[in-house]
Amino acid sequence: MKDIKTSKKLHYYDLNIIDMAYSHSEGRIGTVNTDYTISFWDSQDNFTFEKVILNPKTDLHIQIYYIHYCNYWITVDEKFYIHIWDITEDTEETLPKKNNMNILDI
């Protein structure tokens, strides 16, 4: 069993993890957090280094997924918009919302 710690220096305040996903192909854990950040840990360094992406938007991301067939990390925010993340560049692309229905599951 391995404990994974969040870095207090990289976050605004105490946080809780809302959702997490694991990419077997990348060996990476991703989480969305209550302080509007997205965190990643890699198995290559035994999950010790935390990469944090500060969410530039004001909407809280509530779900995170890794889509294996296209190698994308995606999140869903509280307004049900889908965001595709490039974690090497720390950037995201928000997909346009084509309907007003909620996303139940991807």
PDB file of N, CA and C in Angstrom:
ATOM      1  N   MET A   1       0.842  -1.178   0.000  1.00  0.00           N
ATOM      2  CA  MET A   1       0.000   0.000   0.000  1.00  0.00           C
ATOM      3  C   MET A   1       0.888   1.241   0.000  1.00  0.00           C
ATOM      4  N   LYS A   2       0.543   2.210  -0.817  1.00  0.00           N
ATOM      5  CA  LYS A   2       1.326   3.448  -0.945  1.00  0.00           C
ATOM      6  C   LYS A   2       0.435   4.633  -0.620  1.00  0.00           C
ATOM      7  N   ASP A   3       0.868   5.468   0.316  1.00  0.00           N
ATOM      8  CA  ASP A   3       0.155   6.709   0.605  1.00  0.00           C
ATOM      9  C   ASP A   3       0.622   7.768  -0.383  1.00  0.00           C
ATOM     10  N   ILE A   4      -0.337   8.497  -0.933  1.00  0.00           N
ATOM     11  CA  ILE A   4      -0.015   9.586  -1.848  1.00  0.00           C
ATOM     12  C   ILE A   4      -0.388  10.888  -1.147  1.00  0.00           C
ATOM     13  N   LYS A   5       0.567  11.767  -1.038  1.00  0.00           N
ATOM     14  CA  LYS A   5       0.373  13.022  -0.312  1.00  0.00           C
ATOM     15  C   LYS A   5       0.200  14.183  -1.286  1.00  0.00           C
ATOM     16  N   THR A   6      -0.652  15.125  -0.913  1.00  0.00           N
ATOM     17  CA  THR A   6      -0.775  16.364  -1.671  1.00  0.00           C
ATOM     18  C   THR A   6       0.204  17.380  -1.082  1.00  0.00           C
ATOM     19  N   SER A   7       0.735  18.221  -1.933  1.00  0.00           N
ATOM     20  CA  SER A   7       1.683  19.234  -1.498  1.00  0.00           C
ATOM     21  C   SER A   7       0.927  20.468  -1.015  1.00  0.00           C
ATOM     22  N   LYS A   8       1.096  20.823   0.236  1.00  0.00           N
ATOM     23  CA  LYS A   8       0.395  21.984   0.780  1.00  0.00           C
ATOM     24  C   LYS A   8       0.866  23.286   0.137  1.00  0.00           C
ATOM     25  N   LYS A   9       2.086  23.317  -0.394  1.00  0.00           N
ATOM     26  CA  LYS A   9       2.610  24.534  -1.039  1.00  0.00           C
ATOM     27  C   LYS A   9       1.918  24.802  -2.371  1.00  0.00           C
ATOM     28  N   LEU A  10       1.389  23.774  -3.015  1.00  0.00           N
ATOM     29  CA  LEU A  10       0.811  23.928  -4.350  1.00  0.00           C
ATOM     30  C   LEU A  10      -0.684  24.217  -4.346  1.00  0.00           C
ATOM     31  N   HIS A  11      -1.297  24.216  -3.189  1.00  0.00           N
ATOM     32  CA  HIS A  11      -2.746  24.398  -3.108  1.00  0.00           C
ATOM     33  C   HIS A  11      -3.089  25.643  -2.308  1.00  0.00           C
ATOM     34  N   TYR A  12      -4.253  26.202  -2.608  1.00  0.00           N
ATOM     35  CA  TYR A  12      -4.683  27.442  -1.949  1.00  0.00           C
ATOM     36  C   TYR A  12      -5.017  27.237  -0.482  1.00  0.00           C
ATOM     37  N   TYR A  13      -5.652  26.143  -0.163  1.00  0.00           N
ATOM     38  CA  TYR A  13      -6.079  25.857   1.198  1.00  0.00           C
ATOM     39  C   TYR A  13      -6.274  24.354   1.314  1.00  0.00           C
ATOM     40  N   ASP A  14      -6.679  23.906   2.481  1.00  0.00           N
ATOM     41  CA  ASP A  14      -6.915  22.471   2.648  1.00  0.00           C
ATOM     42  C   ASP A  14      -7.918  22.002   1.612  1.00  0.00           C
ATOM     43  N   LEU A  15      -7.680  20.841   1.084  1.00  0.00           N
ATOM     44  CA  LEU A  15      -8.531  20.390   0.003  1.00  0.00           C
ATOM     45  C   LEU A  15      -9.036  18.987   0.248  1.00  0.00           C
ATOM     46  N   ASN A  16     -10.079  18.667  -0.471  1.00  0.00           N
ATOM     47  CA  ASN A  16     -10.587  17.304  -0.551  1.00  0.00           C
ATOM     48  C   ASN A  16     -10.582  16.913  -2.016  1.00  0.00           C
ATOM     49  N   ILE A  17     -10.334  15.649  -2.272  1.00  0.00           N
ATOM     50  CA  ILE A  17     -10.389  15.143  -3.634  1.00  0.00           C
ATOM     51  C   ILE A  17     -11.846  14.841  -3.953  1.00  0.00           C
ATOM     52  N   ILE A  18     -12.329  15.387  -5.065  1.00  0.00           N
ATOM     53  CA  ILE A  18     -13.711  15.160  -5.483  1.00  0.00           C
ATOM     54  C   ILE A  18     -13.833  13.868  -6.272  1.00  0.00           C
ATOM     55  N   ASP A  19     -12.912  13.676  -7.222  1.00  0.00           N
ATOM     56  CA  ASP A  19     -12.956  12.494  -8.086  1.00  0.00           C
ATOM     57  C   ASP A  19     -11.540  12.163  -8.510  1.00  0.00           C
ATOM     58  N   MET A  20     -11.292  10.893  -8.827  1.00  0.00           N
ATOM     59  CA  MET A  20      -9.978  10.498  -9.293  1.00  0.00           C
ATOM     60  C   MET A  20     -10.103   9.460 -10.393  1.00  0.00           C
ATOM     61  N   ALA A  21      -9.060   9.397 -11.239  1.00  0.00           N
ATOM     62  CA  ALA A  21      -9.005   8.417 -12.319  1.00  0.00           C
ATOM     63  C   ALA A  21      -7.562   7.941 -12.437  1.00  0.00           C
ATOM     64  N   TYR A  22      -7.404   6.759 -13.025  1.00  0.00           N
ATOM     65  CA  TYR A  22      -6.076   6.189 -13.221  1.00  0.00           C
ATOM     66  C   TYR A  22      -5.894   5.807 -14.676  1.00  0.00           C
ATOM     67  N   SER A  23      -4.759   6.153 -15.232  1.00  0.00           N
ATOM     68  CA  SER A  23      -4.392   5.754 -16.580  1.00  0.00           C
ATOM     69  C   SER A  23      -3.348   4.653 -16.487  1.00  0.00           C
ATOM     70  N   HIS A  24      -3.735   3.445 -16.859  1.00  0.00           N
ATOM     71  CA  HIS A  24      -2.799   2.328 -16.822  1.00  0.00           C
ATOM     72  C   HIS A  24      -1.693   2.517 -17.863  1.00  0.00           C
ATOM     73  N   SER A  25      -2.054   3.032 -19.040  1.00  0.00           N
ATOM     74  CA  SER A  25      -1.057   3.204 -20.103  1.00  0.00           C
ATOM     75  C   SER A  25      -0.024   4.275 -19.761  1.00  0.00           C
ATOM     76  N   GLU A  26      -0.426   5.337 -19.070  1.00  0.00           N
ATOM     77  CA  GLU A  26       0.512   6.386 -18.655  1.00  0.00           C
ATOM     78  C   GLU A  26       1.093   6.137 -17.278  1.00  0.00           C
ATOM     79  N   GLY A  27       0.464   5.263 -16.496  1.00  0.00           N
ATOM     80  CA  GLY A  27       0.903   5.055 -15.123  1.00  0.00           C
ATOM     81  C   GLY A  27       0.709   6.301 -14.288  1.00  0.00           C
ATOM     82  N   ARG A  28      -0.444   6.933 -14.442  1.00  0.00           N
ATOM     83  CA  ARG A  28      -0.680   8.234 -13.822  1.00  0.00           C
ATOM     84  C   ARG A  28      -2.041   8.267 -13.131  1.00  0.00           C
ATOM     85  N   ILE A  29      -2.079   8.906 -11.977  1.00  0.00           N
ATOM     86  CA  ILE A  29      -3.327   9.170 -11.256  1.00  0.00           C
ATOM     87  C   ILE A  29      -3.666  10.639 -11.460  1.00  0.00           C
ATOM     88  N   GLY A  30      -4.938  10.931 -11.730  1.00  0.00           N
ATOM     89  CA  GLY A  30      -5.404  12.305 -11.850  1.00  0.00           C
ATOM     90  C   GLY A  30      -6.565  12.538 -10.899  1.00  0.00           C
ATOM     91  N   THR A  31      -6.614  13.720 -10.292  1.00  0.00           N
ATOM     92  CA  THR A  31      -7.717  14.061  -9.388  1.00  0.00           C
ATOM     93  C   THR A  31      -8.214  15.467  -9.674  1.00  0.00           C
ATOM     94  N   VAL A  32      -9.488  15.692  -9.385  1.00  0.00           N
ATOM     95  CA  VAL A  32     -10.036  17.046  -9.328  1.00  0.00           C
ATOM     96  C   VAL A  32     -10.306  17.337  -7.859  1.00  0.00           C
ATOM     97  N   ASN A  33      -9.999  18.570  -7.447  1.00  0.00           N
ATOM     98  CA  ASN A  33      -9.978  18.904  -6.028  1.00  0.00           C
ATOM     99  C   ASN A  33     -10.905  20.070  -5.704  1.00  0.00           C
ATOM    100  N   THR A  34     -11.244  20.196  -4.428  1.00  0.00           N
ATOM    101  CA  THR A  34     -12.168  21.238  -3.995  1.00  0.00           C
ATOM    102  C   THR A  34     -11.580  22.642  -4.052  1.00  0.00           C
ATOM    103  N   ASP A  35     -10.270  22.767  -4.220  1.00  0.00           N
ATOM    104  CA  ASP A  35      -9.674  24.111  -4.325  1.00  0.00           C
ATOM    105  C   ASP A  35      -9.501  24.540  -5.783  1.00  0.00           C
ATOM    106  N   TYR A  36     -10.299  23.940  -6.693  1.00  0.00           N
ATOM    107  CA  TYR A  36     -10.314  24.295  -8.115  1.00  0.00           C
ATOM    108  C   TYR A  36      -9.005  23.932  -8.829  1.00  0.00           C
ATOM    109  N   THR A  37      -8.276  22.963  -8.319  1.00  0.00           N
ATOM    110  CA  THR A  37      -7.060  22.495  -8.970  1.00  0.00           C
ATOM    111  C   THR A  37      -7.268  21.079  -9.494  1.00  0.00           C
ATOM    112  N   ILE A  38      -6.368  20.686 -10.397  1.00  0.00           N
ATOM    113  CA  ILE A  38      -6.320  19.326 -10.921  1.00  0.00           C
ATOM    114  C   ILE A  38      -4.914  18.821 -10.645  1.00  0.00           C
ATOM    115  N   SER A  39      -4.799  17.636 -10.043  1.00  0.00           N
ATOM    116  CA  SER A  39      -3.495  17.100  -9.643  1.00  0.00           C
ATOM    117  C   SER A  39      -3.204  15.802 -10.376  1.00  0.00           C
ATOM    118  N   PHE A  40      -1.905  15.560 -10.616  1.00  0.00           N
ATOM    119  CA  PHE A  40      -1.452  14.331 -11.260  1.00  0.00           C
ATOM    120  C   PHE A  40      -0.228  13.796 -10.525  1.00  0.00           C
ATOM    121  N   TRP A  41      -0.157  12.472 -10.399  1.00  0.00           N
ATOM    122  CA  TRP A  41       0.997  11.783  -9.845  1.00  0.00           C
ATOM    123  C   TRP A  41       1.379  10.667 -10.804  1.00  0.00           C
ATOM    124  N   ASP A  42       2.695  10.474 -11.040  1.00  0.00           N
ATOM    125  CA  ASP A  42       3.193   9.443 -11.951  1.00  0.00           C
ATOM    126  C   ASP A  42       3.785   8.267 -11.184  1.00  0.00           C
ATOM    127  N   SER A  43       3.592   7.082 -11.731  1.00  0.00           N
ATOM    128  CA  SER A  43       4.184   5.889 -11.119  1.00  0.00           C
ATOM    129  C   SER A  43       5.696   5.845 -11.334  1.00  0.00           C
ATOM    130  N   GLN A  44       6.212   6.568 -12.340  1.00  0.00           N
ATOM    131  CA  GLN A  44       7.649   6.562 -12.628  1.00  0.00           C
ATOM    132  C   GLN A  44       8.478   7.071 -11.456  1.00  0.00           C
ATOM    133  N   ASP A  45       7.932   8.002 -10.683  1.00  0.00           N
ATOM    134  CA  ASP A  45       8.653   8.505  -9.515  1.00  0.00           C
ATOM    135  C   ASP A  45       8.010   8.028  -8.212  1.00  0.00           C
ATOM    136  N   ASN A  46       7.325   6.888  -8.301  1.00  0.00           N
ATOM    137  CA  ASN A  46       6.681   6.260  -7.139  1.00  0.00           C
ATOM    138  C   ASN A  46       5.635   7.171  -6.496  1.00  0.00           C
ATOM    139  N   PHE A  47       4.952   7.973  -7.322  1.00  0.00           N
ATOM    140  CA  PHE A  47       3.858   8.846  -6.902  1.00  0.00           C
ATOM    141  C   PHE A  47       4.279   9.867  -5.848  1.00  0.00           C
ATOM    142  N   THR A  48       5.527  10.326  -5.897  1.00  0.00           N
ATOM    143  CA  THR A  48       5.982  11.296  -4.889  1.00  0.00           C
ATOM    144  C   THR A  48       5.840  12.742  -5.353  1.00  0.00           C
ATOM    145  N   PHE A  49       6.009  13.009  -6.652  1.00  0.00           N
ATOM    146  CA  PHE A  49       5.911  14.379  -7.162  1.00  0.00           C
ATOM    147  C   PHE A  49       4.486  14.645  -7.637  1.00  0.00           C
ATOM    148  N   GLU A  50       3.904  15.737  -7.182  1.00  0.00           N
ATOM    149  CA  GLU A  50       2.551  16.124  -7.585  1.00  0.00           C
ATOM    150  C   GLU A  50       2.617  17.270  -8.580  1.00  0.00           C
ATOM    151  N   LYS A  51       2.030  17.066  -9.752  1.00  0.00           N
ATOM    152  CA  LYS A  51       1.887  18.157 -10.733  1.00  0.00           C
ATOM    153  C   LYS A  51       0.493  18.732 -10.545  1.00  0.00           C
ATOM    154  N   VAL A  52       0.415  20.046 -10.358  1.00  0.00           N
ATOM    155  CA  VAL A  52      -0.864  20.710 -10.111  1.00  0.00           C
ATOM    156  C   VAL A  52      -1.137  21.697 -11.233  1.00  0.00           C
ATOM    157  N   ILE A  53      -2.339  21.622 -11.770  1.00  0.00           N
ATOM    158  CA  ILE A  53      -2.785  22.593 -12.758  1.00  0.00           C
ATOM    159  C   ILE A  53      -3.845  23.457 -12.092  1.00  0.00           C
ATOM    160  N   LEU A  54      -3.599  24.755 -12.059  1.00  0.00           N
ATOM    161  CA  LEU A  54      -4.562  25.686 -11.485  1.00  0.00           C
ATOM    162  C   LEU A  54      -5.636  25.953 -12.522  1.00  0.00           C
ATOM    163  N   ASN A  55      -6.866  25.726 -12.156  1.00  0.00           N
ATOM    164  CA  ASN A  55      -7.979  25.906 -13.081  1.00  0.00           C
ATOM    165  C   ASN A  55      -8.213  27.393 -13.291  1.00  0.00           C
ATOM    166  N   PRO A  56      -8.037  27.898 -14.517  1.00  0.00           N
ATOM    167  CA  PRO A  56      -8.203  29.336 -14.741  1.00  0.00           C
ATOM    168  C   PRO A  56      -9.664  29.782 -14.714  1.00  0.00           C
ATOM    169  N   LYS A  57     -10.583  28.873 -14.828  1.00  0.00           N
ATOM    170  CA  LYS A  57     -12.004  29.213 -14.826  1.00  0.00           C
ATOM    171  C   LYS A  57     -12.522  29.205 -13.387  1.00  0.00           C
ATOM    172  N   THR A  58     -13.715  29.687 -13.198  1.00  0.00           N
ATOM    173  CA  THR A  58     -14.287  29.752 -11.849  1.00  0.00           C
ATOM    174  C   THR A  58     -15.225  28.584 -11.552  1.00  0.00           C
ATOM    175  N   ASP A  59     -15.417  27.691 -12.512  1.00  0.00           N
ATOM    176  CA  ASP A  59     -16.303  26.559 -12.288  1.00  0.00           C
ATOM    177  C   ASP A  59     -15.518  25.393 -11.699  1.00  0.00           C
ATOM    178  N   LEU A  60     -16.102  24.743 -10.719  1.00  0.00           N
ATOM    179  CA  LEU A  60     -15.484  23.606 -10.060  1.00  0.00           C
ATOM    180  C   LEU A  60     -15.599  22.371 -10.940  1.00  0.00           C
ATOM    181  N   HIS A  61     -14.495  21.703 -11.175  1.00  0.00           N
ATOM    182  CA  HIS A  61     -14.516  20.460 -11.935  1.00  0.00           C
ATOM    183  C   HIS A  61     -14.891  19.331 -10.985  1.00  0.00           C
ATOM    184  N   ILE A  62     -15.858  18.513 -11.380  1.00  0.00           N
ATOM    185  CA  ILE A  62     -16.411  17.519 -10.465  1.00  0.00           C
ATOM    186  C   ILE A  62     -16.132  16.075 -10.869  1.00  0.00           C
ATOM    187  N   GLN A  63     -15.680  15.853 -12.110  1.00  0.00           N
ATOM    188  CA  GLN A  63     -15.361  14.508 -12.558  1.00  0.00           C
ATOM    189  C   GLN A  63     -14.118  14.545 -13.424  1.00  0.00           C
ATOM    190  N   ILE A  64     -13.343  13.460 -13.386  1.00  0.00           N
ATOM    191  CA  ILE A  64     -12.160  13.335 -14.227  1.00  0.00           C
ATOM    192  C   ILE A  64     -12.139  11.934 -14.820  1.00  0.00           C
ATOM    193  N   TYR A  65     -11.711  11.858 -16.078  1.00  0.00           N
ATOM    194  CA  TYR A  65     -11.626  10.583 -16.785  1.00  0.00           C
ATOM    195  C   TYR A  65     -10.353  10.570 -17.615  1.00  0.00           C
ATOM    196  N   TYR A  66      -9.854   9.377 -17.879  1.00  0.00           N
ATOM    197  CA  TYR A  66      -8.796   9.205 -18.869  1.00  0.00           C
ATOM    198  C   TYR A  66      -9.385   8.357 -19.985  1.00  0.00           C
ATOM    199  N   ILE A  67      -9.373   8.871 -21.203  1.00  0.00           N
ATOM    200  CA  ILE A  67      -9.915   8.160 -22.358  1.00  0.00           C
ATOM    201  C   ILE A  67      -8.741   7.464 -23.052  1.00  0.00           C
ATOM    202  N   HIS A  68      -8.683   6.140 -22.920  1.00  0.00           N
ATOM    203  CA  HIS A  68      -7.528   5.370 -23.379  1.00  0.00           C
ATOM    204  C   HIS A  68      -7.345   5.376 -24.889  1.00  0.00           C
ATOM    205  N   TYR A  69      -8.419   5.270 -25.635  1.00  0.00           N
ATOM    206  CA  TYR A  69      -8.250   5.114 -27.078  1.00  0.00           C
ATOM    207  C   TYR A  69      -7.715   6.370 -27.766  1.00  0.00           C
ATOM    208  N   CYS A  70      -7.828   7.547 -27.128  1.00  0.00           N
ATOM    209  CA  CYS A  70      -7.272   8.765 -27.726  1.00  0.00           C
ATOM    210  C   CYS A  70      -6.265   9.464 -26.811  1.00  0.00           C
ATOM    211  N   ASN A  71      -5.968   8.864 -25.652  1.00  0.00           N
ATOM    212  CA  ASN A  71      -4.957   9.380 -24.713  1.00  0.00           C
ATOM    213  C   ASN A  71      -5.239  10.804 -24.243  1.00  0.00           C
ATOM    214  N   TYR A  72      -6.476  11.052 -23.813  1.00  0.00           N
ATOM    215  CA  TYR A  72      -6.867  12.369 -23.302  1.00  0.00           C
ATOM    216  C   TYR A  72      -7.323  12.275 -21.853  1.00  0.00           C
ATOM    217  N   TRP A  73      -6.900  13.259 -21.071  1.00  0.00           N
ATOM    218  CA  TRP A  73      -7.493  13.481 -19.760  1.00  0.00           C
ATOM    219  C   TRP A  73      -8.630  14.476 -19.960  1.00  0.00           C
ATOM    220  N   ILE A  74      -9.802  14.161 -19.474  1.00  0.00           N
ATOM    221  CA  ILE A  74     -10.927  15.088 -19.581  1.00  0.00           C
ATOM    222  C   ILE A  74     -11.555  15.279 -18.215  1.00  0.00           C
ATOM    223  N   THR A  75     -12.129  16.453 -18.021  1.00  0.00           N
ATOM    224  CA  THR A  75     -12.881  16.739 -16.801  1.00  0.00           C
ATOM    225  C   THR A  75     -14.253  17.275 -17.189  1.00  0.00           C
ATOM    226  N   VAL A  76     -15.166  17.174 -16.243  1.00  0.00           N
ATOM    227  CA  VAL A  76     -16.505  17.736 -16.397  1.00  0.00           C
ATOM    228  C   VAL A  76     -16.693  18.722 -15.255  1.00  0.00           C
ATOM    229  N   ASP A  77     -17.122  19.954 -15.586  1.00  0.00           N
ATOM    230  CA  ASP A  77     -17.302  20.946 -14.532  1.00  0.00           C
ATOM    231  C   ASP A  77     -18.739  20.934 -14.013  1.00  0.00           C
ATOM    232  N   GLU A  78     -18.992  21.780 -13.024  1.00  0.00           N
ATOM    233  CA  GLU A  78     -20.300  21.794 -12.372  1.00  0.00           C
ATOM    234  C   GLU A  78     -21.425  22.283 -13.275  1.00  0.00           C
ATOM    235  N   LYS A  79     -21.081  22.910 -14.397  1.00  0.00           N
ATOM    236  CA  LYS A  79     -22.099  23.319 -15.367  1.00  0.00           C
ATOM    237  C   LYS A  79     -22.205  22.317 -16.510  1.00  0.00           C
ATOM    238  N   PHE A  80     -21.523  21.157 -16.340  1.00  0.00           N
ATOM    239  CA  PHE A  80     -21.563  20.032 -17.265  1.00  0.00           C
ATOM    240  C   PHE A  80     -20.908  20.321 -18.614  1.00  0.00           C
ATOM    241  N   TYR A  81     -19.879  21.163 -18.614  1.00  0.00           N
ATOM    242  CA  TYR A  81     -19.046  21.340 -19.792  1.00  0.00           C
ATOM    243  C   TYR A  81     -17.904  20.334 -19.734  1.00  0.00           C
ATOM    244  N   ILE A  82     -17.490  19.827 -20.888  1.00  0.00           N
ATOM    245  CA  ILE A  82     -16.380  18.886 -20.972  1.00  0.00           C
ATOM    246  C   ILE A  82     -15.115  19.658 -21.334  1.00  0.00           C
ATOM    247  N   HIS A  83     -14.022  19.381 -20.616  1.00  0.00           N
ATOM    248  CA  HIS A  83     -12.740  20.029 -20.843  1.00  0.00           C
ATOM    249  C   HIS A  83     -11.696  18.963 -21.173  1.00  0.00           C
ATOM    250  N   ILE A  84     -10.945  19.171 -22.247  1.00  0.00           N
ATOM    251  CA  ILE A  84      -9.861  18.273 -22.634  1.00  0.00           C
ATOM    252  C   ILE A  84      -8.551  18.927 -22.220  1.00  0.00           C
ATOM    253  N   TRP A  85      -7.707  18.185 -21.489  1.00  0.00           N
ATOM    254  CA  TRP A  85      -6.489  18.756 -20.910  1.00  0.00           C
ATOM    255  C   TRP A  85      -5.241  18.273 -21.619  1.00  0.00           C
ATOM    256  N   ASP A  86      -4.332  19.196 -21.881  1.00  0.00           N
ATOM    257  CA  ASP A  86      -2.978  18.874 -22.305  1.00  0.00           C
ATOM    258  C   ASP A  86      -2.107  19.102 -21.078  1.00  0.00           C
ATOM    259  N   ILE A  87      -1.768  18.032 -20.385  1.00  0.00           N
ATOM    260  CA  ILE A  87      -1.083  18.216 -19.100  1.00  0.00           C
ATOM    261  C   ILE A  87       0.398  18.537 -19.261  1.00  0.00           C
ATOM    262  N   THR A  88       0.950  18.366 -20.453  1.00  0.00           N
ATOM    263  CA  THR A  88       2.340  18.791 -20.655  1.00  0.00           C
ATOM    264  C   THR A  88       2.427  20.305 -20.815  1.00  0.00           C
ATOM    265  N   GLU A  89       1.395  20.920 -21.379  1.00  0.00           N
ATOM    266  CA  GLU A  89       1.368  22.370 -21.578  1.00  0.00           C
ATOM    267  C   GLU A  89       0.533  23.098 -20.519  1.00  0.00           C
ATOM    268  N   ASP A  90      -0.136  22.355 -19.646  1.00  0.00           N
ATOM    269  CA  ASP A  90      -1.031  22.925 -18.622  1.00  0.00           C
ATOM    270  C   ASP A  90      -2.147  23.760 -19.236  1.00  0.00           C
ATOM    271  N   THR A  91      -2.675  23.299 -20.362  1.00  0.00           N
ATOM    272  CA  THR A  91      -3.758  24.025 -21.023  1.00  0.00           C
ATOM    273  C   THR A  91      -4.964  23.105 -21.187  1.00  0.00           C
ATOM    274  N   GLU A  92      -6.106  23.725 -21.415  1.00  0.00           N
ATOM    275  CA  GLU A  92      -7.326  22.955 -21.624  1.00  0.00           C
ATOM    276  C   GLU A  92      -8.140  23.563 -22.743  1.00  0.00           C
ATOM    277  N   GLU A  93      -8.962  22.720 -23.340  1.00  0.00           N
ATOM    278  CA  GLU A  93      -9.889  23.153 -24.376  1.00  0.00           C
ATOM    279  C   GLU A  93     -11.286  22.769 -23.903  1.00  0.00           C
ATOM    280  N   THR A  94     -12.176  23.733 -23.875  1.00  0.00           N
ATOM    281  CA  THR A  94     -13.558  23.473 -23.473  1.00  0.00           C
ATOM    282  C   THR A  94     -14.378  23.160 -24.708  1.00  0.00           C
ATOM    283  N   LEU A  95     -15.038  22.024 -24.690  1.00  0.00           N
ATOM    284  CA  LEU A  95     -15.881  21.662 -25.815  1.00  0.00           C
ATOM    285  C   LEU A  95     -17.172  22.468 -25.768  1.00  0.00           C
ATOM    286  N   PRO A  96     -17.669  22.904 -26.926  1.00  0.00           N
ATOM    287  CA  PRO A  96     -18.932  23.663 -26.922  1.00  0.00           C
ATOM    288  C   PRO A  96     -20.084  22.773 -26.479  1.00  0.00           C
ATOM    289  N   LYS A  97     -21.000  23.370 -25.754  1.00  0.00           N
ATOM    290  CA  LYS A  97     -22.166  22.632 -25.266  1.00  0.00           C
ATOM    291  C   LYS A  97     -23.263  22.723 -26.321  1.00  0.00           C
ATOM    292  N   LYS A  98     -23.669  21.572 -26.823  1.00  0.00           N
ATOM    293  CA  LYS A  98     -24.624  21.561 -27.929  1.00  0.00           C
ATOM    294  C   LYS A  98     -26.068  21.373 -27.469  1.00  0.00           C
ATOM    295  N   ASN A  99     -26.259  20.971 -26.226  1.00  0.00           N
ATOM    296  CA  ASN A  99     -27.619  20.830 -25.712  1.00  0.00           C
ATOM    297  C   ASN A  99     -27.631  21.238 -24.234  1.00  0.00           C
ATOM    298  N   ASN A 100     -28.800  21.331 -23.666  1.00  0.00           N
ATOM    299  CA  ASN A 100     -28.938  21.769 -22.282  1.00  0.00           C
ATOM    300  C   ASN A 100     -29.141  20.627 -21.301  1.00  0.00           C
ATOM    301  N   MET A 101     -29.047  19.399 -21.805  1.00  0.00           N
ATOM    302  CA  MET A 101     -29.228  18.249 -20.920  1.00  0.00           C
ATOM    303  C   MET A 101     -27.941  17.990 -20.141  1.00  0.00           C
ATOM    304  N   ASN A 102     -28.064  17.389 -18.965  1.00  0.00           N
ATOM    305  CA  ASN A 102     -26.906  17.076 -18.146  1.00  0.00           C
ATOM    306  C   ASN A 102     -26.211  15.843 -18.657  1.00  0.00           C
ATOM    307  N   ILE A 103     -24.893  15.782 -18.405  1.00  0.00           N
ATOM    308  CA  ILE A 103     -24.123  14.589 -18.715  1.00  0.00           C
ATOM    309  C   ILE A 103     -24.278  13.642 -17.532  1.00  0.00           C
ATOM    310  N   LEU A 104     -24.793  12.462 -17.773  1.00  0.00           N
ATOM    311  CA  LEU A 104     -24.979  11.510 -16.698  1.00  0.00           C
ATOM    312  C   LEU A 104     -23.740  10.634 -16.522  1.00  0.00           C
ATOM    313  N   ASP A 105     -23.198  10.175 -17.614  1.00  0.00           N
ATOM    314  CA  ASP A 105     -22.008   9.332 -17.543  1.00  0.00           C
ATOM    315  C   ASP A 105     -21.357   9.340 -18.908  1.00  0.00           C
ATOM    316  N   ILE A 106     -20.064   9.198 -18.898  1.00  0.00           N
ATOM    317  CA  ILE A 106     -19.339   9.167 -20.167  1.00  0.00           C
ATOM    318  C   ILE A 106     -18.924   7.735 -20.427  1.00  0.00           C
TER     319      ILE A 106
END
